[in-house]
Amino acid sequence: MHDLTPRNAPGAQHATASERASPWVAITAIVLVAIDLRPGIVSIGPVLPAIREHFALTHSVAALMTTIPDFLMGLLALPTPSLARRFGRDRVVIAALSLLLVSMAARAFAPNALILLLATAGVGAGIAIAGTLIAGFIKASFPTKAALLMGIYAMALSTGSTASAALTGPVAAGAFGGWREAIGMWALLGVIAIPAWLVVARGAHRAPSLPAAKVALPVRNGTAWRVALYFAFDNFLFYAFVSWTASIYREAGFSTSKAGLVLATFTAAFTVATFAFGWRSKSEDRRFWLLLCGLLTTAGIVSLALAPMAAPFVSVSVAALGLGGGFSLGMTLPLDNTDSVESANTWTAFVLTVGYLIAAFGPLSVGALRDASSSFGSSLWLMCAVSAGMVALAPFLQPHRSRGVGSQAGR
């Protein structure tokens, strides 16, 4: 069994019973916050056809429901460490979670497409700011178990994705529901996540801390760019899947619930993979596992492109296993390349910025190709090409410090 007590914490070996419990409080908070960080995006997929019909949107405009959060998750990752230094990490996290709660609730009452998209921007901003700071918190709290904790974090993100993918469609199709109720109900997760982080914040205030030093972005570090691109390709595909899988199978004749079940199968397999790959990958040189993730992703998408109706549940599961593992390990790579909390935050911000700005084009490009060709066939082949990029990058993702290069972020 893994010992999750922070090994470098002063006096950890003499910790009292209440102090030994604090890591589990932190893990619980990480899990509850993470579960809250994906339904605001994933819940849109099962009801996107209904939203398109209600507001008379094209596929390209409808894709903005996912593209906007992705874009903001990239754009706001860079300034987030500065916000944390100025106002304190915990205040920033709580403010971001509050914004997420309000925006998800407001979106359910949107009277027109403009308000819907503005509320979606609030969803993206809340997710971006809160999510950026989690990696640094894990680096500080669990320095010897980063991969395991990132796996737990990624699994919790995926749990929120799976729940929203599986339940949104049935709620929307139910006698007392509709698309507004189906997406609005996920705001309630914030009512749990915010108090959970308040407990973490209260505990943090009891411990003295040194002011964080500013670390330069790793813009001249080749490893950082390769990590960012791998993360970008993985998330390009993930958000393309969560945005359009239900629509692909609705067009193929599946009911709303059955199409949502295909999406839920994808997110469930993704959830399993996020933890499994984080648990199995024990060395900081994770290239074998990263390559395996790319190969699984490619195999699943090629199967969908060649015969989308042959075995949809199997094909999406194979792709999801690769993408889930790639996401978990991709979130861990910045921690593998850094030695301090601040540099971990900076590397994470850089990777998220590059990654999500590129990933934002996933739903948009799939929707645009669907509008141009009247089918999703060309979109699936585009996704195949992106997954091949994951395969090509994997052999070059050895941590730069293991090659004798210093780990300062700006080097």
Protein backbone atom coordinates (compact mmCIF):
# COMPACT_ATOMS: atom_id res chain seq x y z
CA MET A 1 0.00 0.00 0.00
CA HIS A 2 1.31 3.45 -0.91
CA ASP A 3 2.41 5.69 1.95
CA LEU A 4 0.93 9.06 1.04
CA THR A 5 2.41 11.05 3.93
CA PRO A 6 4.64 13.75 2.42
CA ARG A 7 8.12 12.38 3.05
CA ASN A 8 9.91 15.68 2.89
CA ALA A 9 7.55 17.41 5.29
CA PRO A 10 9.36 18.67 8.41
CA GLY A 11 8.67 16.39 11.33
CA ALA A 12 6.66 13.96 9.21
CA GLN A 13 8.16 11.00 11.04
CA HIS A 14 6.86 12.42 14.35
CA ALA A 15 3.44 13.42 13.02
CA THR A 16 0.42 13.18 15.30
CA ALA A 17 -2.66 11.22 14.30
CA SER A 18 -4.41 14.39 13.11
CA GLU A 19 -1.37 15.48 11.08
CA ARG A 20 -1.14 12.03 9.47
CA ALA A 21 -4.75 12.40 8.39
CA SER A 22 -4.06 15.64 6.52
CA PRO A 23 -2.81 13.96 3.33
CA TRP A 24 -6.13 12.14 3.04
CA VAL A 25 -7.98 15.42 3.55
CA ALA A 26 -5.89 16.88 0.71
CA ILE A 27 -6.56 13.88 -1.54
CA THR A 28 -10.29 14.11 -0.82
CA ALA A 29 -10.28 17.79 -1.77
CA ILE A 30 -8.31 17.08 -4.96
CA VAL A 31 -10.86 14.43 -5.94
CA LEU A 32 -13.94 16.56 -5.19
CA VAL A 33 -12.55 19.57 -7.04
CA ALA A 34 -11.46 17.46 -10.00
CA ILE A 35 -14.91 15.89 -10.35
CA ASP A 36 -16.28 19.44 -10.65
CA LEU A 37 -13.88 20.46 -13.45
CA ARG A 38 -15.23 18.51 -16.45
CA PRO A 39 -19.06 18.27 -16.44
CA GLY A 40 -19.27 21.90 -17.55
CA ILE A 41 -17.69 20.80 -20.84
CA VAL A 42 -18.65 17.14 -21.23
CA SER A 43 -22.34 17.58 -20.40
CA ILE A 44 -22.72 19.62 -23.57
CA GLY A 45 -21.97 16.68 -25.89
CA PRO A 46 -25.09 14.56 -25.23
CA VAL A 47 -27.44 17.55 -25.66
CA LEU A 48 -25.57 19.42 -28.39
CA PRO A 49 -28.10 18.39 -31.07
CA ALA A 50 -30.92 19.81 -28.91
CA ILE A 51 -28.98 23.03 -28.27
CA ARG A 52 -28.22 23.37 -31.98
CA GLU A 53 -31.89 22.96 -32.80
CA HIS A 54 -33.09 25.32 -30.07
CA PHE A 55 -30.81 28.19 -31.14
CA ALA A 56 -30.58 27.24 -34.86
CA LEU A 57 -26.77 26.89 -34.77
CA THR A 58 -24.46 25.45 -37.40
CA HIS A 59 -22.08 22.65 -36.42
CA SER A 60 -19.20 25.14 -36.44
CA VAL A 61 -20.92 27.58 -34.08
CA ALA A 62 -22.13 24.75 -31.84
CA ALA A 63 -18.51 23.60 -31.54
CA LEU A 64 -17.78 26.86 -29.71
CA MET A 65 -19.51 25.34 -26.68
CA THR A 66 -16.40 23.22 -26.24
CA THR A 67 -13.87 25.34 -28.11
CA ILE A 68 -14.35 28.39 -25.86
CA PRO A 69 -13.56 26.52 -22.61
CA ASP A 70 -10.56 24.83 -24.27
CA PHE A 71 -9.26 28.15 -25.55
CA LEU A 72 -9.63 29.82 -22.15
CA MET A 73 -8.04 26.85 -20.40
CA GLY A 74 -4.99 27.61 -22.51
CA LEU A 75 -5.15 31.41 -22.46
CA LEU A 76 -5.61 31.73 -18.69
CA ALA A 77 -3.05 29.11 -17.67
CA LEU A 78 -0.15 31.58 -18.07
CA PRO A 79 -1.36 34.36 -15.75
CA THR A 80 -2.70 31.94 -13.12
CA PRO A 81 0.64 31.43 -11.27
CA SER A 82 0.96 35.22 -10.98
CA LEU A 83 -2.56 35.43 -9.57
CA ALA A 84 -1.64 32.75 -7.03
CA ARG A 85 1.50 34.65 -6.00
CA ARG A 86 -0.43 37.90 -5.58
CA PHE A 87 -3.63 36.73 -3.91
CA GLY A 88 -2.73 33.29 -2.57
CA ARG A 89 -3.32 29.92 -4.18
CA ASP A 90 -6.35 28.97 -2.11
CA ARG A 91 -8.20 32.25 -2.60
CA VAL A 92 -7.69 31.97 -6.35
CA VAL A 93 -8.88 28.35 -6.42
CA ILE A 94 -12.01 29.18 -4.41
CA ALA A 95 -12.77 32.19 -6.62
CA ALA A 96 -12.38 30.04 -9.74
CA LEU A 97 -14.67 27.32 -8.39
CA SER A 98 -17.25 29.98 -7.50
CA LEU A 99 -17.09 31.39 -11.03
CA LEU A 100 -17.55 27.89 -12.42
CA LEU A 101 -20.62 27.26 -10.27
CA VAL A 102 -22.29 30.55 -11.21
CA SER A 103 -21.49 30.17 -14.92
CA MET A 104 -22.84 26.62 -15.17
CA ALA A 105 -26.06 27.71 -13.48
CA ALA A 106 -26.37 30.82 -15.66
CA ARG A 107 -25.89 28.81 -18.86
CA ALA A 108 -28.97 26.75 -18.07
CA PHE A 109 -31.08 29.94 -18.14
CA ALA A 110 -29.51 31.52 -21.24
CA PRO A 111 -32.22 33.28 -23.30
CA ASN A 112 -30.14 33.42 -26.48
CA ALA A 113 -26.97 32.05 -28.05
CA LEU A 114 -24.84 35.05 -27.04
CA ILE A 115 -25.60 34.64 -23.33
CA LEU A 116 -25.08 30.90 -23.69
CA LEU A 117 -21.59 31.46 -25.11
CA LEU A 118 -20.71 34.14 -22.54
CA ALA A 119 -21.68 31.79 -19.71
CA THR A 120 -19.63 29.09 -21.40
CA ALA A 121 -16.66 31.47 -21.28
CA GLY A 122 -17.15 31.72 -17.52
CA VAL A 123 -17.15 27.93 -17.31
CA GLY A 124 -13.86 27.80 -19.20
CA ALA A 125 -12.26 30.49 -17.05
CA GLY A 126 -13.18 28.76 -13.82
CA ILE A 127 -11.87 25.41 -15.02
CA ALA A 128 -8.68 26.97 -16.38
CA ILE A 129 -7.67 28.81 -13.22
CA ALA A 130 -8.52 26.07 -10.73
CA GLY A 131 -7.02 23.30 -12.84
CA THR A 132 -3.71 25.07 -13.40
CA LEU A 133 -2.94 25.24 -9.68
CA ILE A 134 -3.69 21.60 -8.83
CA ALA A 135 -0.36 20.30 -10.22
CA GLY A 136 1.67 22.65 -8.04
CA PHE A 137 -0.39 21.66 -5.01
CA ILE A 138 0.35 17.98 -5.72
CA LYS A 139 4.05 18.75 -6.22
CA ALA A 140 4.14 20.51 -2.84
CA SER A 141 2.06 18.00 -0.91
CA PHE A 142 3.18 14.67 -2.45
CA PRO A 143 6.64 15.19 -3.99
CA THR A 144 7.54 11.48 -4.02
CA LYS A 145 4.16 10.29 -5.36
CA ALA A 146 3.52 12.79 -8.14
CA ALA A 147 2.56 10.23 -10.81
CA LEU A 148 0.23 8.36 -8.48
CA LEU A 149 -1.49 11.54 -7.31
CA MET A 150 -1.74 12.91 -10.85
CA GLY A 151 -3.33 9.58 -11.75
CA ILE A 152 -5.86 9.99 -8.95
CA TYR A 153 -6.50 13.57 -10.04
CA ALA A 154 -6.94 12.54 -13.68
CA MET A 155 -9.21 9.66 -12.66
CA ALA A 156 -11.38 12.07 -10.68
CA LEU A 157 -11.56 14.42 -13.68
CA SER A 158 -12.65 11.45 -15.76
CA THR A 159 -15.20 10.39 -13.16
CA GLY A 160 -16.88 13.76 -13.55
CA SER A 161 -16.69 13.35 -17.33
CA THR A 162 -18.21 9.87 -17.22
CA ALA A 163 -21.03 10.83 -14.89
CA SER A 164 -21.98 13.84 -17.01
CA ALA A 165 -21.73 11.86 -20.25
CA ALA A 166 -23.90 9.04 -18.89
CA LEU A 167 -26.56 11.04 -17.05
CA THR A 168 -27.03 14.23 -19.08
CA GLY A 169 -28.78 12.50 -22.00
CA PRO A 170 -31.30 10.55 -19.90
CA VAL A 171 -32.12 13.63 -17.82
CA ALA A 172 -32.63 15.68 -20.99
CA ALA A 173 -34.90 12.98 -22.43
CA GLY A 174 -36.85 12.44 -19.20
CA ALA A 175 -40.36 13.60 -18.50
CA PHE A 176 -39.24 16.33 -16.08
CA GLY A 177 -36.08 17.38 -17.85
CA GLY A 178 -34.72 19.09 -20.92
CA TRP A 179 -31.31 20.25 -22.08
CA ARG A 180 -31.38 23.20 -19.66
CA GLU A 181 -32.00 21.04 -16.60
CA ALA A 182 -29.53 18.46 -17.87
CA ILE A 183 -26.59 20.87 -18.07
CA GLY A 184 -27.60 23.08 -15.14
CA MET A 185 -27.72 20.30 -12.56
CA TRP A 186 -23.93 19.90 -12.72
CA ALA A 187 -23.49 23.30 -11.06
CA LEU A 188 -24.40 21.54 -7.81
CA LEU A 189 -20.99 19.87 -7.77
CA GLY A 190 -19.51 23.25 -6.90
CA VAL A 191 -21.53 23.28 -3.69
CA ILE A 192 -19.39 20.31 -2.60
CA ALA A 193 -16.06 21.31 -4.17
CA ILE A 194 -15.85 24.81 -2.68
CA PRO A 195 -16.23 23.74 0.99
CA ALA A 196 -13.73 20.92 0.36
CA TRP A 197 -11.08 23.39 -0.74
CA LEU A 198 -11.94 25.72 2.13
CA VAL A 199 -10.88 22.90 4.46
CA VAL A 200 -7.55 22.65 2.61
CA ALA A 201 -7.12 26.42 2.80
CA ARG A 202 -7.77 26.46 6.54
CA GLY A 203 -5.12 23.77 7.06
CA ALA A 204 -2.62 25.61 4.86
CA HIS A 205 -2.96 28.78 6.92
CA ARG A 206 -1.67 26.94 9.98
CA ALA A 207 1.64 26.21 8.28
CA PRO A 208 4.27 28.92 7.59
CA SER A 209 5.29 29.34 3.97
CA LEU A 210 8.03 31.18 2.15
CA PRO A 211 7.20 33.66 -0.63
CA ALA A 212 7.29 31.94 -4.01
CA ALA A 213 10.01 32.97 -6.44
CA LYS A 214 9.05 33.78 -9.98
CA VAL A 215 10.30 31.22 -12.52
CA ALA A 216 10.70 31.97 -16.21
CA LEU A 217 8.55 30.12 -18.72
CA PRO A 218 10.42 27.25 -20.44
CA VAL A 219 10.03 28.78 -23.89
CA ARG A 220 13.59 27.82 -24.90
CA ASN A 221 13.36 24.29 -23.59
CA GLY A 222 12.81 21.71 -26.31
CA THR A 223 11.48 19.13 -23.87
CA ALA A 224 8.81 21.56 -22.67
CA TRP A 225 7.60 22.10 -26.23
CA ARG A 226 7.47 18.37 -26.94
CA VAL A 227 5.56 17.76 -23.71
CA ALA A 228 3.14 20.55 -24.61
CA LEU A 229 2.54 19.16 -28.10
CA TYR A 230 1.90 15.64 -26.83
CA PHE A 231 -0.57 17.06 -24.30
CA ALA A 232 -2.12 19.18 -27.07
CA PHE A 233 -2.66 16.23 -29.40
CA ASP A 234 -4.16 14.14 -26.60
CA ASN A 235 -6.62 16.87 -25.63
CA PHE A 236 -7.39 17.82 -29.24
CA LEU A 237 -8.72 14.29 -29.62
CA PHE A 238 -10.37 14.07 -26.21
CA TYR A 239 -12.46 17.20 -26.72
CA ALA A 240 -13.29 16.21 -30.29
CA PHE A 241 -14.63 12.94 -28.92
CA VAL A 242 -16.65 14.46 -26.08
CA SER A 243 -18.10 17.13 -28.38
CA TRP A 244 -19.11 15.00 -31.33
CA THR A 245 -19.37 11.31 -30.40
CA ALA A 246 -23.02 11.62 -29.43
CA SER A 247 -23.79 13.61 -32.59
CA ILE A 248 -22.02 11.06 -34.80
CA TYR A 249 -24.19 8.26 -33.47
CA ARG A 250 -27.36 10.34 -33.37
CA GLU A 251 -26.89 10.88 -37.10
CA ALA A 252 -26.37 7.13 -37.45
CA GLY A 253 -29.82 6.53 -35.96
CA PHE A 254 -29.06 5.95 -32.27
CA SER A 255 -31.43 7.39 -29.68
CA THR A 256 -30.25 10.24 -27.47
CA SER A 257 -29.73 7.83 -24.57
CA LYS A 258 -27.88 5.22 -26.65
CA ALA A 259 -25.64 7.83 -28.29
CA GLY A 260 -24.92 9.18 -24.81
CA LEU A 261 -24.06 5.64 -23.73
CA VAL A 262 -21.38 5.43 -26.43
CA LEU A 263 -19.92 8.67 -25.09
CA ALA A 264 -20.18 7.38 -21.52
CA THR A 265 -18.33 4.23 -22.58
CA PHE A 266 -15.56 6.44 -23.93
CA THR A 267 -15.30 8.48 -20.74
CA ALA A 268 -15.50 5.35 -18.53
CA ALA A 269 -12.57 3.73 -20.36
CA PHE A 270 -10.75 7.06 -20.19
CA THR A 271 -11.29 7.07 -16.41
CA VAL A 272 -9.86 3.59 -15.96
CA ALA A 273 -6.81 4.45 -18.06
CA THR A 274 -5.98 7.67 -16.22
CA PHE A 275 -5.39 5.83 -12.97
CA ALA A 276 -4.00 2.60 -14.45
CA PHE A 277 -1.24 4.30 -16.45
CA GLY A 278 -0.34 6.63 -13.58
CA TRP A 279 -0.08 3.62 -11.27
CA ARG A 280 1.94 1.47 -13.69
CA SER A 281 4.36 4.19 -14.79
CA LYS A 282 6.82 4.33 -11.90
CA SER A 283 9.95 5.64 -13.62
CA GLU A 284 10.31 9.29 -14.63
CA ASP A 285 11.20 8.06 -18.12
CA ARG A 286 7.69 7.26 -19.29
CA ARG A 287 8.36 6.91 -23.02
CA PHE A 288 7.22 3.28 -23.32
CA TRP A 289 3.84 4.08 -21.76
CA LEU A 290 3.45 7.28 -23.75
CA LEU A 291 4.10 5.35 -26.96
CA LEU A 292 1.59 2.67 -25.96
CA CYS A 293 -0.99 5.38 -25.36
CA GLY A 294 -0.42 6.81 -28.83
CA LEU A 295 -0.71 3.39 -30.46
CA LEU A 296 -3.95 2.54 -28.64
CA THR A 297 -5.43 5.90 -29.57
CA THR A 298 -4.52 5.44 -33.23
CA ALA A 299 -5.89 1.90 -33.35
CA GLY A 300 -9.24 2.97 -31.91
CA ILE A 301 -9.69 5.95 -34.22
CA VAL A 302 -8.63 4.03 -37.34
CA SER A 303 -11.26 1.42 -36.44
CA LEU A 304 -13.90 4.14 -36.16
CA ALA A 305 -12.85 5.74 -39.44
CA LEU A 306 -12.95 2.45 -41.35
CA ALA A 307 -16.13 1.02 -39.84
CA PRO A 308 -17.82 3.36 -37.37
CA MET A 309 -20.85 1.08 -36.90
CA ALA A 310 -19.00 -2.25 -36.67
CA ALA A 311 -18.16 -2.13 -32.96
CA PRO A 312 -18.54 1.45 -31.70
CA PHE A 313 -18.30 0.58 -28.01
CA VAL A 314 -15.06 -1.35 -28.53
CA SER A 315 -13.48 1.23 -30.83
CA VAL A 316 -14.19 4.21 -28.58
CA SER A 317 -12.95 2.23 -25.57
CA VAL A 318 -9.60 1.46 -27.22
CA ALA A 319 -9.13 5.10 -28.20
CA ALA A 320 -10.15 6.21 -24.72
CA LEU A 321 -7.62 3.91 -23.05
CA GLY A 322 -4.86 5.60 -25.03
CA LEU A 323 -6.14 9.11 -24.46
CA GLY A 324 -6.77 8.55 -20.75
CA GLY A 325 -3.27 7.22 -20.19
CA GLY A 326 -1.80 9.99 -22.32
CA PHE A 327 -3.64 12.64 -20.34
CA SER A 328 -2.57 11.31 -16.94
CA LEU A 329 1.08 10.92 -17.97
CA GLY A 330 1.04 14.19 -19.90
CA MET A 331 -0.03 16.03 -16.74
CA THR A 332 2.81 14.32 -14.87
CA LEU A 333 5.56 15.21 -17.36
CA PRO A 334 5.94 18.84 -16.14
CA LEU A 335 6.48 17.50 -12.61
CA ASP A 336 9.10 15.04 -13.87
CA ASN A 337 11.08 17.92 -15.33
CA THR A 338 11.02 20.28 -12.33
CA ASP A 339 12.36 20.37 -8.77
CA SER A 340 10.24 23.04 -7.07
CA VAL A 341 6.59 23.91 -6.64
CA GLU A 342 6.93 27.22 -8.48
CA SER A 343 8.75 25.70 -11.45
CA ALA A 344 6.12 22.92 -11.53
CA ASN A 345 3.38 25.58 -11.65
CA THR A 346 5.22 27.43 -14.41
CA TRP A 347 5.86 24.33 -16.51
CA THR A 348 2.26 23.25 -16.02
CA ALA A 349 1.00 26.68 -17.04
CA PHE A 350 3.17 26.58 -20.18
CA VAL A 351 2.05 23.06 -21.12
CA LEU A 352 -1.61 23.87 -20.49
CA THR A 353 -1.38 27.09 -22.49
CA VAL A 354 0.15 25.51 -25.57
CA GLY A 355 -1.84 22.31 -25.13
CA TYR A 356 -5.31 23.74 -24.71
CA LEU A 357 -4.90 26.49 -27.31
CA ILE A 358 -4.14 23.78 -29.87
CA ALA A 359 -6.76 21.42 -28.41
CA ALA A 360 -9.42 24.11 -28.85
CA PHE A 361 -9.26 23.46 -32.59
CA GLY A 362 -10.32 19.83 -32.08
CA PRO A 363 -14.09 20.35 -31.71
CA LEU A 364 -14.01 23.32 -34.09
CA SER A 365 -12.19 21.51 -36.90
CA VAL A 366 -14.39 18.43 -36.59
CA GLY A 367 -17.50 20.60 -36.73
CA ALA A 368 -16.19 22.62 -39.69
CA LEU A 369 -15.33 19.47 -41.66
CA ARG A 370 -18.79 18.09 -40.88
CA ASP A 371 -20.37 21.27 -42.28
CA ALA A 372 -18.15 21.12 -45.37
CA SER A 373 -18.58 17.43 -46.18
CA SER A 374 -22.01 16.57 -44.70
CA SER A 375 -20.51 13.61 -42.82
CA PHE A 376 -18.00 12.91 -40.06
CA GLY A 377 -15.78 10.65 -42.22
CA SER A 378 -13.15 13.27 -43.04
CA SER A 379 -13.15 14.43 -39.42
CA LEU A 380 -12.24 10.94 -38.21
CA TRP A 381 -9.30 10.75 -40.62
CA LEU A 382 -8.09 14.13 -39.33
CA MET A 383 -8.21 12.66 -35.84
CA CYS A 384 -6.16 9.69 -37.06
CA ALA A 385 -3.45 12.08 -38.24
CA VAL A 386 -3.38 13.82 -34.86
CA SER A 387 -3.07 10.51 -33.01
CA ALA A 388 -0.11 9.63 -35.26
CA GLY A 389 1.52 12.79 -33.88
CA MET A 390 1.30 11.31 -30.38
CA VAL A 391 3.10 8.19 -31.61
CA ALA A 392 5.81 10.26 -33.30
CA LEU A 393 6.48 12.42 -30.22
CA ALA A 394 6.56 9.67 -27.58
CA PRO A 395 10.19 8.50 -28.17
CA PHE A 396 11.44 12.07 -27.59
CA LEU A 397 9.82 12.68 -24.18
CA GLN A 398 12.65 11.59 -21.89
CA PRO A 399 12.89 14.09 -18.98
CA HIS A 400 15.57 16.63 -19.89
CA ARG A 401 17.24 16.52 -16.47
CA SER A 402 17.93 12.78 -16.90
CA ARG A 403 20.08 13.73 -19.88
CA GLY A 404 22.21 15.95 -17.64
CA VAL A 405 20.39 19.18 -18.40
CA GLY A 406 19.47 21.44 -15.49
CA SER A 407 15.86 21.59 -14.53
CA GLN A 408 15.33 25.31 -14.32
CA ALA A 409 12.28 26.20 -16.29
CA GLY A 410 13.75 28.89 -18.46
CA ARG A 411 16.84 26.91 -19.53
